[in-house]
């Protein structure tokens, strides 16, 4: 999760389905650690260079099942990092994002993945594992 200095969170609207919002994310490539993958994926999808600061949640199971527009289904195992922005300009580089926008917790769009709402609050310092 990439948080702006005022506490707003960066979300992306998918170019594959205009109604789906999510956090910048993606698959881990061969040889990458989860932290390296989040740095690469955020850069590719948003143009921002980030530093992962800590793990704020690990999620998985049937509630994290997703069906792509082509019908393929997956169940994600998600490692959510709190990330800080180092540099860059907000722009979709890899074509996966139709829109990038920061939202406050109270005005977040409906997300494709049902993250527990408490992980989005800035004061959340506890780790969440499901």
Protein backbone atom coordinates (compact mmCIF):
# COMPACT_ATOMS: atom_id res chain seq x y z
CA UNK A 1 0.00 0.00 0.00
CA UNK A 2 1.39 3.36 -1.05
CA UNK A 3 0.33 6.17 1.24
CA UNK A 4 0.65 9.86 0.37
CA UNK A 5 1.95 12.26 2.99
CA UNK A 6 -1.60 13.31 3.98
CA UNK A 7 -2.54 9.67 4.63
CA UNK A 8 -4.33 9.10 1.34
CA UNK A 9 -3.86 5.69 -0.30
CA UNK A 10 -2.99 5.08 -3.94
CA UNK A 11 -5.43 2.92 -5.89
CA UNK A 12 -5.50 1.95 -9.53
CA UNK A 13 -8.41 1.30 -11.84
CA UNK A 14 -7.65 -1.59 -14.14
CA UNK A 15 -7.37 -1.07 -17.89
CA UNK A 16 -8.87 -4.58 -18.31
CA UNK A 17 -12.11 -3.78 -16.49
CA UNK A 18 -13.04 -0.16 -15.92
CA UNK A 19 -15.05 -0.94 -12.78
CA UNK A 20 -12.27 -2.67 -10.85
CA UNK A 21 -10.09 -0.75 -8.37
CA UNK A 22 -7.17 -2.26 -6.52
CA UNK A 23 -3.89 -1.53 -4.85
CA UNK A 24 -0.85 -1.56 -7.14
CA UNK A 25 0.27 -5.20 -7.01
CA UNK A 26 1.39 -8.17 -9.02
CA UNK A 27 3.11 -11.51 -9.15
CA UNK A 28 6.56 -12.25 -7.79
CA UNK A 29 9.01 -13.04 -10.58
CA UNK A 30 11.61 -15.80 -10.38
CA UNK A 31 14.39 -14.81 -7.99
CA UNK A 32 12.51 -11.89 -6.40
CA UNK A 33 11.61 -11.44 -2.77
CA UNK A 34 8.12 -10.09 -1.98
CA UNK A 35 9.66 -6.70 -1.09
CA UNK A 36 11.55 -6.55 -4.42
CA UNK A 37 8.37 -7.48 -6.28
CA UNK A 38 6.34 -4.69 -4.69
CA UNK A 39 9.02 -2.13 -5.62
CA UNK A 40 9.04 -3.36 -9.25
CA UNK A 41 5.26 -3.65 -9.58
CA UNK A 42 4.57 -0.21 -8.10
CA UNK A 43 7.16 1.31 -10.46
CA UNK A 44 5.68 -0.46 -13.51
CA UNK A 45 2.07 0.35 -12.66
CA UNK A 46 2.40 3.86 -11.23
CA UNK A 47 5.76 5.40 -12.19
CA UNK A 48 6.64 5.83 -8.51
CA UNK A 49 9.77 4.55 -6.79
CA UNK A 50 8.88 3.28 -3.32
CA UNK A 51 10.50 1.72 -0.28
CA UNK A 52 8.58 -1.01 1.56
CA UNK A 53 8.70 -0.13 5.28
CA UNK A 54 6.89 -3.00 6.95
CA UNK A 55 4.41 -5.83 6.40
CA UNK A 56 0.98 -4.77 7.57
CA UNK A 57 -0.93 -7.88 6.55
CA UNK A 58 -0.85 -11.32 4.98
CA UNK A 59 -4.11 -12.53 3.44
CA UNK A 60 -5.38 -15.53 1.51
CA UNK A 61 -8.10 -18.12 1.10
CA UNK A 62 -11.50 -18.19 -0.55
CA UNK A 63 -12.26 -14.54 0.25
CA UNK A 64 -9.30 -13.61 -1.95
CA UNK A 65 -10.54 -15.48 -5.01
CA UNK A 66 -10.67 -13.41 -8.18
CA UNK A 67 -12.09 -14.07 -11.64
CA UNK A 68 -10.43 -12.30 -14.56
CA UNK A 69 -12.48 -11.05 -17.53
CA UNK A 70 -11.32 -14.10 -19.55
CA UNK A 71 -12.80 -16.45 -16.90
CA UNK A 72 -9.53 -17.55 -15.27
CA UNK A 73 -9.81 -17.84 -11.48
CA UNK A 74 -7.06 -17.45 -8.93
CA UNK A 75 -6.80 -17.32 -5.15
CA UNK A 76 -4.30 -14.75 -4.08
CA UNK A 77 -1.85 -14.95 -1.22
CA UNK A 78 -1.25 -11.30 -0.48
CA UNK A 79 1.61 -9.76 1.45
CA UNK A 80 0.64 -6.13 2.05
CA UNK A 81 3.50 -3.71 2.64
CA UNK A 82 3.32 -0.14 3.88
CA UNK A 83 5.41 1.78 1.32
CA UNK A 84 6.78 5.30 1.22
CA UNK A 85 7.30 7.26 -1.98
CA UNK A 86 10.92 8.16 -2.78
CA UNK A 87 10.55 9.72 -6.23
CA UNK A 88 8.84 9.49 -9.59
CA UNK A 89 5.76 10.91 -11.31
CA UNK A 90 2.36 9.32 -11.09
CA UNK A 91 1.81 7.70 -14.49
CA UNK A 92 0.89 4.22 -15.66
CA UNK A 93 3.94 2.78 -17.41
CA UNK A 94 2.92 -0.79 -18.26
CA UNK A 95 -0.63 -0.15 -19.52
CA UNK A 96 -2.30 -2.12 -16.70
CA UNK A 97 -3.74 1.00 -15.04
CA UNK A 98 -6.46 3.09 -16.68
CA UNK A 99 -6.47 5.54 -13.76
CA UNK A 100 -4.34 6.19 -10.69
CA UNK A 101 -5.76 8.15 -7.80
CA UNK A 102 -5.15 8.80 -4.11
CA UNK A 103 -8.21 8.35 -1.85
CA UNK A 104 -8.79 8.95 1.83
CA UNK A 105 -9.94 5.90 3.78
CA UNK A 106 -13.43 7.39 4.00
CA UNK A 107 -13.73 7.87 0.23
CA UNK A 108 -12.05 4.67 -1.03
CA UNK A 109 -13.58 3.06 -4.13
CA UNK A 110 -15.05 -0.43 -3.99
CA UNK A 111 -12.13 -2.84 -4.30
CA UNK A 112 -11.84 -6.12 -6.19
CA UNK A 113 -10.20 -7.75 -3.13
CA UNK A 114 -11.94 -7.65 0.30
CA UNK A 115 -9.09 -6.36 2.45
CA UNK A 116 -9.99 -5.84 6.10
CA UNK A 117 -10.82 -2.13 6.34
CA UNK A 118 -8.67 -1.59 9.45
CA UNK A 119 -5.43 -2.12 7.49
CA UNK A 120 -6.05 1.16 5.66
CA UNK A 121 -6.05 3.41 8.71
CA UNK A 122 -2.73 5.24 9.22
CA UNK A 123 -2.62 4.48 12.94
CA UNK A 124 -2.67 0.74 12.23
CA UNK A 125 0.63 -0.54 13.58
CA UNK A 126 -0.43 -4.08 14.33
CA UNK A 127 0.19 -6.87 11.86
CA UNK A 128 -2.83 -8.62 10.37
CA UNK A 129 -2.67 -12.25 9.27
CA UNK A 130 -5.58 -14.31 7.92
